[in-house]
């Protein structure tokens, strides 16, 4: 019996979900997944640390992200399941790794949801400075919770329009910035120049070391690109939509990250950007377009809500996958009348509510705390995708498993490069005194999961035995 057959026995075809995500929705979820708060808000702090060299850091990390996504794409077309990388970790590395990856991805999205709620509250303060951050965060949490409970179609439609706003606005920002550079209109046109990229202490003004230290923030900006893998179980035609969504990733990174930052840093010199302020809002304020900064602030608010919306979606699905494998309480397997994992979403939202509390207690530090933990959890998820891909390719080469219809270019070689890069970024996090707290959090998280696994095995020994049997088949 193959692992695919095992899954079919656990849940019926389609895993009980409604295949309610059409091609345009999956495409826009993939596009929007590459545009988030890490770019709109986090880039301000990273520009202050690295100057124009941040452009190179985004490009370098973007290449690695493409390697990761092509590895995931090959696995998805080998066996498209909603559990995605947790299921592949379970198949190729063993049940403990599937359990650990599923719960860690759940943690990543819970804390990312906290970060997005924090960012959304900061953006609302742009217009209404007297409203406490925690109040705004709570209101958005309740609204998005309701959307995710209703149906996957409503989630997909809302995410489609969230992403459409982000994409349209970013293209508009790039066009306006190029207009300032070319025609010199507005007061910013007097100082806008391509030479701003090197004129103020060079392209690496703080040194290569400082630039490299921004990689942890850059990687946070790319969290959610793997979300397209979680949609596999609810996509109408995953064999067509998923490869198309993944193959468009390079131009999305080139345009929305590298292109947008290049234009912004040409229009406004890097020394004028500060931590805690969106560089896009600041740039449009300097350009002087009427209501321009307010419009951009609305766009970045949309980006934050989009990411939080995606977080609620993915956490519920991941908890259900864990329950299907006996690695989470069985109650998470239940679907509501609208075929959504309502209980899993509800529990996840309650944990996201911790972000509301952080915004009440430490509003000025809430964003930094949660993004570092999310980045560490995201790196683990990406490593599991890459290692699973390497093991899958070995099984294919040995004739033990069928080849995927969407093979990654370069085979396992690119996955090895990406693994080395992610380990390097982890080393940078450990070196940074402010960021390494997330590694302590992850160590406590790992210990808690290890205890949970020991309890799980003692109550249900066949979980580990089943995993050993599957590992023998893939070699």
Foldseek 3Di string as FASTA:
>chain_A
DAPLVVLCVLAPALSLFALQAELLLLLLLLLLLLAFCLQQAVVLALCQQWPLCLLVLLLVVLLLVLLLLLLQVQVCLQPQDLLRLLSLCCQAVHNLSSLLLLVLLLLLLLLLLLLLLLLLLLLVCVVVVVDFSLVSSVVLLVVLLVQQQQAVNSLSVLLSVLSVLLVVVLVVLLVVLVCCCPVVPAPLSVQFALCLCQPQCGVGNNDPLSNLLCSLSSLLSNPRSCLSSNSRSNHPDCVPSSVVSSVCSVVSSVCRPSSSSSSLCRSPRSNPRHHRHGSQLVSQVRRPDVCRSVSVSVSNSSSSSSSSSSSLQSQLSSQLVCLSLLSHPVLSVDADPNRTSSVRSVVSSVSSSVSSVCSVVPSPCSNVVSSLLSSVSRLSSSLSSLVSSLLQLVLVVVVLGPGGPSHRPPRSPSSVVSNVVSVVSVVSQCVDPSSVVSVVVVVVVVVVSVVSVVVSCVVPVVSRVVSVVSNVSSD
